[in-house]
Amino acid sequence: MLVSMSAVLLLGLLIWFLLRIRYLRLPDVLLCGAFGFLLSSTVAAPVVQTLLNGVSGFLGQLRF
């Protein structure tokens, strides 16, 4: 729950910023799509959530 709330907040801020500077392209559309799936409860949402959990787990294991 904490990761999804953080992801929703981060993606929401990124979308707001991109809309503010009027700079939306294909990666930005994918970002908006991920944001929509996090907020919805569709059949595809668990798949997207699993993908985002995997990415966040991978990023959490990186050591600099």
N, C-alpha and C. Protein backbone atom coordinates (compact mmCIF):
# COMPACT_ATOMS: atom_id res chain seq x y z
N MET A 1 0.83 -1.20 0.00
CA MET A 1 0.00 0.00 0.00
C MET A 1 0.86 1.25 0.00
N LEU A 2 1.93 1.24 0.77
CA LEU A 2 2.80 2.40 0.85
C LEU A 2 3.46 2.68 -0.49
N VAL A 3 3.89 1.63 -1.19
CA VAL A 3 4.53 1.82 -2.48
C VAL A 3 3.54 2.37 -3.50
N SER A 4 2.32 1.85 -3.52
CA SER A 4 1.36 2.33 -4.51
C SER A 4 0.95 3.78 -4.22
N MET A 5 0.81 4.15 -2.96
CA MET A 5 0.48 5.54 -2.64
C MET A 5 1.63 6.46 -3.05
N SER A 6 2.86 6.03 -2.81
CA SER A 6 4.02 6.83 -3.22
C SER A 6 4.08 6.93 -4.74
N ALA A 7 3.79 5.83 -5.43
CA ALA A 7 3.81 5.84 -6.89
C ALA A 7 2.72 6.75 -7.42
N VAL A 8 1.55 6.72 -6.84
CA VAL A 8 0.46 7.59 -7.29
C VAL A 8 0.84 9.05 -7.08
N LEU A 9 1.42 9.37 -5.95
CA LEU A 9 1.82 10.74 -5.69
C LEU A 9 2.91 11.19 -6.66
N LEU A 10 3.93 10.36 -6.84
CA LEU A 10 5.04 10.71 -7.73
C LEU A 10 4.55 10.85 -9.18
N LEU A 11 3.76 9.88 -9.64
CA LEU A 11 3.27 9.96 -11.00
C LEU A 11 2.32 11.14 -11.19
N GLY A 12 1.53 11.43 -10.20
CA GLY A 12 0.64 12.59 -10.28
C GLY A 12 1.41 13.89 -10.41
N LEU A 13 2.49 14.02 -9.64
CA LEU A 13 3.32 15.23 -9.73
C LEU A 13 4.02 15.33 -11.08
N LEU A 14 4.49 14.19 -11.60
CA LEU A 14 5.14 14.21 -12.91
C LEU A 14 4.15 14.57 -14.01
N ILE A 15 2.95 14.04 -13.96
CA ILE A 15 1.93 14.37 -14.96
C ILE A 15 1.56 15.85 -14.87
N TRP A 16 1.40 16.35 -13.67
CA TRP A 16 1.08 17.77 -13.50
C TRP A 16 2.18 18.64 -14.10
N PHE A 17 3.43 18.27 -13.84
CA PHE A 17 4.56 19.05 -14.36
C PHE A 17 4.59 18.99 -15.89
N LEU A 18 4.38 17.81 -16.46
CA LEU A 18 4.40 17.68 -17.92
C LEU A 18 3.26 18.45 -18.58
N LEU A 19 2.10 18.44 -17.94
CA LEU A 19 0.99 19.23 -18.47
C LEU A 19 1.27 20.72 -18.33
N ARG A 20 1.93 21.09 -17.27
CA ARG A 20 2.23 22.50 -17.01
C ARG A 20 3.16 23.08 -18.07
N ILE A 21 4.16 22.31 -18.45
CA ILE A 21 5.11 22.80 -19.46
C ILE A 21 4.69 22.39 -20.87
N ARG A 22 3.53 21.74 -21.01
CA ARG A 22 2.96 21.33 -22.29
C ARG A 22 3.95 20.49 -23.09
N TYR A 23 4.46 19.46 -22.45
CA TYR A 23 5.46 18.58 -23.06
C TYR A 23 5.02 17.14 -22.85
N LEU A 24 4.13 16.66 -23.68
CA LEU A 24 3.65 15.29 -23.58
C LEU A 24 3.99 14.54 -24.87
N ARG A 25 4.72 13.42 -24.74
CA ARG A 25 5.05 12.56 -25.86
C ARG A 25 4.72 11.13 -25.46
N LEU A 26 5.18 10.14 -26.25
CA LEU A 26 4.81 8.75 -26.01
C LEU A 26 5.18 8.25 -24.61
N PRO A 27 6.42 8.49 -24.11
CA PRO A 27 6.72 8.03 -22.74
C PRO A 27 5.81 8.69 -21.69
N ASP A 28 5.44 9.91 -21.94
CA ASP A 28 4.57 10.61 -21.01
C ASP A 28 3.16 10.04 -21.03
N VAL A 29 2.72 9.62 -22.21
CA VAL A 29 1.41 8.98 -22.31
C VAL A 29 1.43 7.65 -21.54
N LEU A 30 2.52 6.90 -21.64
CA LEU A 30 2.64 5.66 -20.88
C LEU A 30 2.64 5.94 -19.37
N LEU A 31 3.26 7.03 -18.97
CA LEU A 31 3.26 7.44 -17.57
C LEU A 31 1.84 7.74 -17.11
N CYS A 32 1.08 8.44 -17.93
CA CYS A 32 -0.31 8.75 -17.59
C CYS A 32 -1.14 7.47 -17.54
N GLY A 33 -0.84 6.52 -18.42
CA GLY A 33 -1.56 5.25 -18.40
C GLY A 33 -1.30 4.48 -17.13
N ALA A 34 -0.04 4.46 -16.68
CA ALA A 34 0.29 3.78 -15.43
C ALA A 34 -0.42 4.45 -14.26
N PHE A 35 -0.50 5.76 -14.27
CA PHE A 35 -1.20 6.50 -13.23
C PHE A 35 -2.68 6.13 -13.21
N GLY A 36 -3.28 6.02 -14.38
CA GLY A 36 -4.68 5.65 -14.46
C GLY A 36 -4.95 4.25 -13.95
N PHE A 37 -4.05 3.32 -14.27
CA PHE A 37 -4.23 1.96 -13.80
C PHE A 37 -4.07 1.85 -12.29
N LEU A 38 -3.21 2.66 -11.71
CA LEU A 38 -3.06 2.63 -10.26
C LEU A 38 -4.32 3.15 -9.57
N LEU A 39 -4.99 4.08 -10.20
CA LEU A 39 -6.17 4.66 -9.59
C LEU A 39 -7.44 3.85 -9.85
N SER A 40 -7.39 2.98 -10.82
CA SER A 40 -8.60 2.24 -11.17
C SER A 40 -8.62 0.85 -10.54
N SER A 41 -9.71 0.21 -10.68
CA SER A 41 -9.83 -1.17 -10.18
C SER A 41 -10.31 -2.07 -11.32
N THR A 42 -9.66 -1.96 -12.46
CA THR A 42 -10.02 -2.77 -13.62
C THR A 42 -9.35 -4.13 -13.53
N VAL A 43 -9.65 -4.97 -14.49
CA VAL A 43 -9.05 -6.31 -14.54
C VAL A 43 -7.55 -6.22 -14.81
N ALA A 44 -7.12 -5.22 -15.56
CA ALA A 44 -5.70 -5.07 -15.91
C ALA A 44 -4.88 -4.46 -14.77
N ALA A 45 -5.53 -3.89 -13.78
CA ALA A 45 -4.81 -3.22 -12.70
C ALA A 45 -3.87 -4.14 -11.92
N PRO A 46 -4.25 -5.40 -11.59
CA PRO A 46 -3.31 -6.26 -10.87
C PRO A 46 -2.04 -6.57 -11.67
N VAL A 47 -2.18 -6.66 -13.00
CA VAL A 47 -1.00 -6.92 -13.83
C VAL A 47 -0.05 -5.73 -13.79
N VAL A 48 -0.60 -4.53 -13.92
CA VAL A 48 0.22 -3.32 -13.87
C VAL A 48 0.82 -3.16 -12.48
N GLN A 49 0.05 -3.45 -11.45
CA GLN A 49 0.55 -3.34 -10.07
C GLN A 49 1.69 -4.32 -9.83
N THR A 50 1.57 -5.54 -10.34
CA THR A 50 2.64 -6.53 -10.21
C THR A 50 3.90 -6.06 -10.93
N LEU A 51 3.73 -5.49 -12.11
CA LEU A 51 4.87 -4.96 -12.86
C LEU A 51 5.55 -3.82 -12.09
N LEU A 52 4.75 -2.91 -11.55
CA LEU A 52 5.32 -1.80 -10.79
C LEU A 52 6.00 -2.29 -9.50
N ASN A 53 5.43 -3.31 -8.86
CA ASN A 53 6.07 -3.88 -7.67
C ASN A 53 7.41 -4.52 -8.02
N GLY A 54 7.47 -5.19 -9.17
CA GLY A 54 8.72 -5.78 -9.61
C GLY A 54 9.78 -4.73 -9.89
N VAL A 55 9.38 -3.66 -10.55
CA VAL A 55 10.33 -2.58 -10.85
C VAL A 55 10.80 -1.91 -9.56
N SER A 56 9.88 -1.66 -8.64
CA SER A 56 10.28 -1.01 -7.39
C SER A 56 11.16 -1.95 -6.55
N GLY A 57 10.89 -3.26 -6.60
CA GLY A 57 11.76 -4.20 -5.91
C GLY A 57 13.15 -4.23 -6.51
N PHE A 58 13.23 -4.17 -7.83
CA PHE A 58 14.53 -4.14 -8.51
C PHE A 58 15.29 -2.87 -8.15
N LEU A 59 14.60 -1.73 -8.21
CA LEU A 59 15.26 -0.47 -7.88
C LEU A 59 15.68 -0.42 -6.41
N GLY A 60 14.91 -1.07 -5.56
CA GLY A 60 15.25 -1.10 -4.13
C GLY A 60 16.48 -1.94 -3.84
N GLN A 61 16.83 -2.87 -4.72
CA GLN A 61 18.00 -3.71 -4.51
C GLN A 61 19.27 -3.12 -5.09
N LEU A 62 19.16 -2.04 -5.85
CA LEU A 62 20.35 -1.41 -6.43
C LEU A 62 21.18 -0.75 -5.33
N ARG A 63 22.46 -0.94 -5.40
CA ARG A 63 23.38 -0.32 -4.44
C ARG A 63 24.33 0.58 -5.19
N PHE A 64 24.47 1.79 -4.73
CA PHE A 64 25.37 2.74 -5.38
C PHE A 64 26.61 2.93 -4.57
